[in-house]
Amino acid sequence: MKTKFVRTLSLALATCVAWSCSNKEAPKPSEPAFVAIETSMGTITVELDTAKAPLTAENFLDYVDGGHYDGTLFHRVMDDFMIQGGGFTKVGTEYAEKATRAPIKNEASNGLRNFRGTVAMARTDDPHSATSQFFINLKDNGGLNPGGFSPAGYAVFGKVIEGMDVVDKIRAVKTGTRIMKSLSPSGDFVDAPAKDVPLEDVVIISVKRVEANPS
């Protein structure tokens, strides 16, 4: 299952990797930030670790503030592993990948680990290829940490603080294979079959900042 995950993340479904890694410097560490991910199955509240993953958290918040995630989907659900979203939207009856900004530097060496309920960046085989897509770990996935089956690791930048019941509802949806339109390096859409796609759409209605930990 883990090997399959790395292989599928290396496809164009994960991110469009034609751009070079962003030269943007990591911002100064600050207080944690919080976002509410409203989905068609309920709301998930996430705390972002802006101190240990400053560049990744800022990148995610830039997409949040720009409305990028609104109307996207959890397009990959792998029971007992992870749920992934933030990159595809539905156009008519088809899933189509959204354009993104330049990839960011991989911060997987920040000491945060891929435990159940943590939020990390999806990427291709290139360690520095993450853009907008993220995943929520459904269990402790030690193989995704630095030194695992992908040595560079997958960068954790936050954790679910409310709504794991919603995450577990999403993990239980039936999945199958469908054709998805991924963006090629030239910006054209390429049809590609994708596994582990929910048969009933799991929509990310909106992602918004919240002022403080609601609990």
Protein backbone atom coordinates (compact mmCIF):
# COMPACT_ATOMS: atom_id res chain seq x y z
CA MET A 1 0.00 0.00 0.00
CA LYS A 2 2.79 2.42 0.93
CA THR A 3 4.74 1.73 -2.26
CA LYS A 4 1.57 2.30 -4.24
CA PHE A 5 1.12 5.66 -2.53
CA VAL A 6 4.56 6.92 -3.54
CA ARG A 7 4.01 5.75 -7.11
CA THR A 8 0.62 7.44 -7.42
CA LEU A 9 1.93 10.63 -5.90
CA SER A 10 4.56 10.71 -8.62
CA LEU A 11 1.88 11.08 -11.28
CA ALA A 12 0.68 14.41 -12.57
CA LEU A 13 -2.31 14.01 -10.24
CA ALA A 14 -0.21 15.06 -7.28
CA THR A 15 1.11 18.36 -8.56
CA CYS A 16 2.25 20.02 -11.75
CA VAL A 17 6.05 20.10 -11.47
CA ALA A 18 7.14 22.07 -14.51
CA TRP A 19 7.99 25.15 -12.44
CA SER A 20 11.20 25.46 -10.48
CA CYS A 21 11.14 25.49 -6.69
CA SER A 22 10.18 28.85 -5.26
CA ASN A 23 13.06 31.00 -4.01
CA LYS A 24 10.80 32.54 -1.39
CA GLU A 25 12.42 32.68 2.04
CA ALA A 26 10.63 31.15 5.01
CA PRO A 27 8.75 33.79 7.02
CA LYS A 28 9.60 34.54 10.63
CA PRO A 29 8.00 31.97 12.97
CA SER A 30 4.78 33.17 14.56
CA GLU A 31 1.83 31.97 16.60
CA PRO A 32 -0.13 28.97 15.28
CA ALA A 33 -2.76 29.66 12.66
CA PHE A 34 -6.11 27.89 12.43
CA VAL A 35 -8.33 27.09 9.48
CA ALA A 36 -11.75 25.51 9.10
CA ILE A 37 -12.16 23.12 6.17
CA GLU A 38 -15.88 22.95 5.43
CA THR A 39 -16.68 19.83 3.43
CA SER A 40 -19.84 18.22 2.13
CA MET A 41 -19.50 15.74 4.99
CA GLY A 42 -18.76 18.18 7.82
CA THR A 43 -16.12 20.60 9.08
CA ILE A 44 -12.49 19.83 9.90
CA THR A 45 -10.52 22.34 11.98
CA VAL A 46 -6.75 22.36 11.51
CA GLU A 47 -3.97 24.00 13.51
CA LEU A 48 -1.02 25.06 11.35
CA ASP A 49 2.46 24.93 12.88
CA THR A 50 3.87 28.21 11.61
CA ALA A 51 6.96 27.84 13.82
CA LYS A 52 8.21 24.45 12.62
CA ALA A 53 6.81 24.63 9.07
CA PRO A 54 6.81 28.38 8.32
CA LEU A 55 7.19 28.20 4.55
CA THR A 56 4.68 25.38 4.12
CA ALA A 57 2.12 26.99 6.44
CA GLU A 58 2.44 30.33 4.67
CA ASN A 59 2.06 28.65 1.29
CA PHE A 60 -1.10 26.87 2.45
CA LEU A 61 -2.55 30.10 3.88
CA ASP A 62 -1.82 31.93 0.63
CA TYR A 63 -3.97 29.37 -1.18
CA VAL A 64 -6.62 29.69 1.54
CA ASP A 65 -6.72 33.49 1.30
CA GLY A 66 -6.88 33.31 -2.49
CA GLY A 67 -9.91 30.99 -2.41
CA HIS A 68 -8.04 28.24 -4.24
CA TYR A 69 -9.50 25.42 -2.17
CA ASP A 70 -13.13 26.52 -2.41
CA GLY A 71 -15.00 24.00 -4.53
CA THR A 72 -12.11 21.53 -4.77
CA LEU A 73 -12.42 17.87 -3.82
CA PHE A 74 -10.92 15.15 -1.72
CA HIS A 75 -10.02 13.27 -4.87
CA ARG A 76 -8.06 10.38 -3.38
CA VAL A 77 -9.16 8.29 -0.41
CA MET A 78 -7.04 5.34 0.70
CA ASP A 79 -8.61 3.63 3.70
CA ASP A 80 -6.18 3.09 6.57
CA PHE A 81 -3.66 5.43 4.96
CA MET A 82 -4.67 8.98 3.99
CA ILE A 83 -7.21 11.27 2.29
CA GLN A 84 -5.87 13.76 -0.26
CA GLY A 85 -7.37 16.94 -1.70
CA GLY A 86 -6.90 20.54 -2.68
CA GLY A 87 -5.96 20.18 -6.33
CA PHE A 88 -8.96 19.12 -8.40
CA THR A 89 -12.35 20.66 -9.03
CA LYS A 90 -15.35 19.32 -10.90
CA VAL A 91 -16.10 20.74 -14.34
CA GLY A 92 -19.33 19.26 -15.58
CA THR A 93 -18.95 15.55 -14.93
CA GLU A 94 -15.15 15.57 -14.99
CA TYR A 95 -12.42 16.20 -12.42
CA ALA A 96 -9.94 18.83 -13.60
CA GLU A 97 -6.70 19.92 -11.95
CA LYS A 98 -6.41 23.57 -10.92
CA ALA A 99 -3.41 25.69 -11.84
CA THR A 100 -1.04 26.47 -8.98
CA ARG A 101 1.86 28.69 -8.08
CA ALA A 102 5.48 27.53 -8.05
CA PRO A 103 6.43 24.54 -5.88
CA ILE A 104 7.93 25.12 -2.46
CA LYS A 105 10.92 23.79 -0.55
CA ASN A 106 10.31 20.55 1.32
CA GLU A 107 10.27 21.16 5.10
CA ALA A 108 9.90 17.49 6.07
CA SER A 109 13.02 17.70 8.26
CA ASN A 110 11.23 20.04 10.68
CA GLY A 111 10.72 17.36 13.34
CA LEU A 112 6.97 16.97 12.76
CA ARG A 113 5.93 13.39 12.04
CA ASN A 114 3.20 11.82 9.96
CA PHE A 115 1.00 10.67 12.82
CA ARG A 116 -2.75 10.05 12.60
CA GLY A 117 -4.57 13.36 12.20
CA THR A 118 -1.58 15.32 10.95
CA VAL A 119 -1.75 17.31 7.71
CA ALA A 120 1.09 17.09 5.19
CA MET A 121 1.90 18.18 1.66
CA ALA A 122 1.41 15.87 -1.33
CA ARG A 123 4.19 15.91 -3.91
CA THR A 124 5.78 13.92 -6.72
CA ASP A 125 9.08 12.03 -6.56
CA ASP A 126 10.80 15.43 -6.59
CA PRO A 127 11.08 16.37 -2.89
CA HIS A 128 10.56 20.06 -3.68
CA SER A 129 7.45 19.76 -5.86
CA ALA A 130 4.58 20.45 -3.43
CA THR A 131 2.12 23.17 -4.41
CA SER A 132 -1.50 23.15 -3.20
CA GLN A 133 -2.40 19.52 -2.60
CA PHE A 134 -2.38 18.18 0.94
CA PHE A 135 -3.34 15.01 2.76
CA ILE A 136 -4.57 14.02 6.20
CA ASN A 137 -3.01 10.91 7.73
CA LEU A 138 -5.52 8.27 8.79
CA LYS A 139 -2.96 6.44 10.93
CA ASP A 140 0.66 6.80 12.01
CA ASN A 141 2.50 6.62 8.67
CA GLY A 142 6.13 6.37 9.69
CA GLY A 143 7.20 5.52 6.16
CA LEU A 144 6.33 9.06 5.07
CA ASN A 145 8.84 10.61 7.47
CA PRO A 146 12.40 11.48 6.41
CA GLY A 147 14.43 8.31 6.00
CA GLY A 148 11.34 6.28 5.13
CA PHE A 149 10.53 4.75 1.76
CA SER A 150 10.94 8.22 0.28
CA PRO A 151 14.12 9.43 2.04
CA ALA A 152 13.29 13.15 1.87
CA GLY A 153 9.95 12.59 3.58
CA TYR A 154 6.59 14.35 3.29
CA ALA A 155 6.33 17.69 5.08
CA VAL A 156 3.86 17.83 7.97
CA PHE A 157 2.66 21.36 8.67
CA GLY A 158 -0.41 20.97 10.85
CA LYS A 159 -2.84 18.72 12.68
CA VAL A 160 -6.58 18.21 12.95
CA ILE A 161 -7.84 19.54 16.28
CA GLU A 162 -11.55 19.07 15.61
CA GLY A 163 -13.40 16.95 13.09
CA MET A 164 -11.51 13.65 12.99
CA ASP A 165 -14.97 12.07 12.99
CA VAL A 166 -15.51 13.85 9.65
CA VAL A 167 -12.15 12.61 8.38
CA ASP A 168 -13.20 9.08 9.31
CA LYS A 169 -16.51 9.52 7.48
CA ILE A 170 -14.57 10.49 4.38
CA ARG A 171 -12.25 7.49 4.71
CA ALA A 172 -15.29 5.20 4.63
CA VAL A 173 -16.63 6.34 1.24
CA LYS A 174 -16.60 3.90 -1.64
CA THR A 175 -13.89 4.52 -4.21
CA GLY A 176 -13.05 3.41 -7.72
CA THR A 177 -11.16 4.35 -10.86
CA ARG A 178 -12.07 7.30 -13.05
CA ILE A 179 -10.49 9.50 -15.68
CA MET A 180 -9.15 12.79 -14.37
CA LYS A 181 -7.82 15.75 -16.30
CA SER A 182 -4.33 16.61 -15.07
CA LEU A 183 -2.29 19.61 -16.10
CA SER A 184 0.79 18.89 -18.18
CA PRO A 185 3.96 21.02 -17.91
CA SER A 186 2.77 22.95 -20.96
CA GLY A 187 -0.50 23.80 -19.24
CA ASP A 188 -2.64 21.46 -21.34
CA PHE A 189 -5.04 18.94 -19.84
CA VAL A 190 -4.11 15.28 -20.11
CA ASP A 191 -6.64 12.54 -19.38
CA ALA A 192 -5.28 9.96 -16.96
CA PRO A 193 -6.93 7.12 -15.04
CA ALA A 194 -6.80 7.49 -11.28
CA LYS A 195 -7.52 4.93 -8.59
CA ASP A 196 -8.97 5.48 -5.12
CA VAL A 197 -11.31 8.26 -6.29
CA PRO A 198 -14.55 8.65 -4.27
CA LEU A 199 -17.53 7.46 -6.28
CA GLU A 200 -19.61 10.14 -4.57
CA ASP A 201 -18.00 13.58 -4.62
CA VAL A 202 -16.46 14.77 -1.34
CA VAL A 203 -16.42 18.53 -1.87
CA ILE A 204 -14.28 21.06 -0.03
CA ILE A 205 -16.87 23.82 0.11
CA SER A 206 -14.48 26.37 1.60
CA VAL A 207 -11.32 26.75 3.64
CA LYS A 208 -11.19 29.83 5.88
CA ARG A 209 -9.01 31.17 8.63
CA VAL A 210 -10.45 31.17 12.13
CA GLU A 211 -9.15 33.57 14.72
CA ALA A 212 -8.19 31.15 17.47
CA ASN A 213 -8.42 27.59 18.66
CA PRO A 214 -12.20 27.11 18.92
CA SER A 215 -11.81 24.67 21.79
